[in-house]
Structures are given as structure tokens and as C-alpha cells.
Amino acid sequence: MQQLTCELFFVSLLLMPLSMALAGPALVSLLVVYFGRMPSDEIAHPLDQPTEATVAA
């Protein structure tokens, strides 16, 4: 049983670069889409909208 655990550990280490290569571009593309939408959301909902108090002053 201990030998099987040791073998699985080394197999997972060997396959780690492959899994990172497959998951990396997907993660980067999701981040690009998310951060790419942020400027349009800021235009639609600006954080520095003038309030009635600043307009009256």
C-alpha cells in the first residue's frame, strides 16, 4: 500500500506541468475577460458621482 502511495505521488508530480499548461491559459483568459469588463462597468456606475450636497455648494 505504501508503494502505491509513493508511485501515485511521483506520477502526480510528473503530470503537474501538463495540468498547469492546460489550466493556465483558461485561467488567464477568464481574468482577461473579467478585468476587461471593469472599465465599461465603471463608466456605467461611476464611483465619483456628484451628490446633492456637492452640487448645491
C-alpha atoms as a PDB file:
ATOM      1  CA  MET A   1       0.000   0.000   0.000  1.00  0.00           C
ATOM      2  CA  GLN A   2       2.826   2.391   0.834  1.00  0.00           C
ATOM      3  CA  GLN A   3       4.494   1.685  -2.516  1.00  0.00           C
ATOM      4  CA  LEU A   4       1.278   2.511  -4.365  1.00  0.00           C
ATOM      5  CA  THR A   5       1.004   5.814  -2.498  1.00  0.00           C
ATOM      6  CA  CYS A   6       4.603   6.649  -3.347  1.00  0.00           C
ATOM      7  CA  GLU A   7       4.047   5.822  -7.033  1.00  0.00           C
ATOM      8  CA  LEU A   8       0.915   7.953  -7.198  1.00  0.00           C
ATOM      9  CA  PHE A   9       2.803  10.845  -5.641  1.00  0.00           C
ATOM     10  CA  PHE A  10       5.542  10.725  -8.268  1.00  0.00           C
ATOM     11  CA  VAL A  11       3.061  10.282 -11.110  1.00  0.00           C
ATOM     12  CA  SER A  12       1.198  13.363  -9.928  1.00  0.00           C
ATOM     13  CA  LEU A  13       4.494  15.278  -9.825  1.00  0.00           C
ATOM     14  CA  LEU A  14       5.281  14.183 -13.360  1.00  0.00           C
ATOM     15  CA  LEU A  15       1.868  15.269 -14.655  1.00  0.00           C
ATOM     16  CA  MET A  16       1.818  18.606 -12.811  1.00  0.00           C
ATOM     17  CA  PRO A  17       3.433  20.624 -15.647  1.00  0.00           C
ATOM     18  CA  LEU A  18       0.894  19.227 -18.089  1.00  0.00           C
ATOM     19  CA  SER A  19      -2.030  20.109 -15.848  1.00  0.00           C
ATOM     20  CA  MET A  20      -0.674  23.611 -15.295  1.00  0.00           C
ATOM     21  CA  ALA A  21      -0.207  24.048 -19.037  1.00  0.00           C
ATOM     22  CA  LEU A  22      -3.824  23.100 -19.622  1.00  0.00           C
ATOM     23  CA  ALA A  23      -5.310  25.106 -16.746  1.00  0.00           C
ATOM     24  CA  GLY A  24      -3.085  28.177 -17.099  1.00  0.00           C
ATOM     25  CA  PRO A  25      -4.461  29.603 -20.366  1.00  0.00           C
ATOM     26  CA  ALA A  26      -8.042  29.055 -19.227  1.00  0.00           C
ATOM     27  CA  LEU A  27      -7.422  30.954 -16.000  1.00  0.00           C
ATOM     28  CA  VAL A  28      -5.630  33.777 -17.781  1.00  0.00           C
ATOM     29  CA  SER A  29      -8.419  34.133 -20.334  1.00  0.00           C
ATOM     30  CA  LEU A  30     -11.050  34.319 -17.594  1.00  0.00           C
ATOM     31  CA  LEU A  31      -9.060  37.011 -15.803  1.00  0.00           C
ATOM     32  CA  VAL A  32      -8.654  38.999 -19.025  1.00  0.00           C
ATOM     33  CA  VAL A  33     -12.391  38.894 -19.687  1.00  0.00           C
ATOM     34  CA  TYR A  34     -13.183  39.900 -16.106  1.00  0.00           C
ATOM     35  CA  PHE A  35     -10.740  42.805 -15.961  1.00  0.00           C
ATOM     36  CA  GLY A  36     -11.635  43.860 -19.489  1.00  0.00           C
ATOM     37  CA  ARG A  37     -15.225  44.459 -18.440  1.00  0.00           C
ATOM     38  CA  MET A  38     -14.277  46.602 -15.459  1.00  0.00           C
ATOM     39  CA  PRO A  39     -13.814  49.921 -17.376  1.00  0.00           C
ATOM     40  CA  SER A  40     -17.245  49.653 -19.007  1.00  0.00           C
ATOM     41  CA  ASP A  41     -18.783  48.911 -15.629  1.00  0.00           C
ATOM     42  CA  GLU A  42     -17.038  51.964 -14.156  1.00  0.00           C
ATOM     43  CA  ILE A  43     -18.480  54.122 -16.942  1.00  0.00           C
ATOM     44  CA  ALA A  44     -21.961  52.731 -16.297  1.00  0.00           C
ATOM     45  CA  HIS A  45     -21.655  53.105 -12.499  1.00  0.00           C
ATOM     46  CA  PRO A  46     -19.070  55.783 -11.652  1.00  0.00           C
ATOM     47  CA  LEU A  47     -17.827  55.917  -8.089  1.00  0.00           C
ATOM     48  CA  ASP A  48     -17.417  59.695  -8.047  1.00  0.00           C
ATOM     49  CA  GLN A  49     -20.954  60.766  -8.898  1.00  0.00           C
ATOM     50  CA  PRO A  50     -21.730  64.213  -7.564  1.00  0.00           C
ATOM     51  CA  THR A  51     -24.174  64.187  -4.689  1.00  0.00           C
ATOM     52  CA  GLU A  52     -26.792  66.843  -3.994  1.00  0.00           C
ATOM     53  CA  ALA A  53     -24.595  68.322  -1.259  1.00  0.00           C
ATOM     54  CA  THR A  54     -21.654  68.895  -3.627  1.00  0.00           C
ATOM     55  CA  VAL A  55     -23.899  70.249  -6.408  1.00  0.00           C
ATOM     56  CA  ALA A  56     -25.545  72.778  -4.044  1.00  0.00           C
ATOM     57  CA  ALA A  57     -22.200  74.054  -2.725  1.00  0.00           C
END
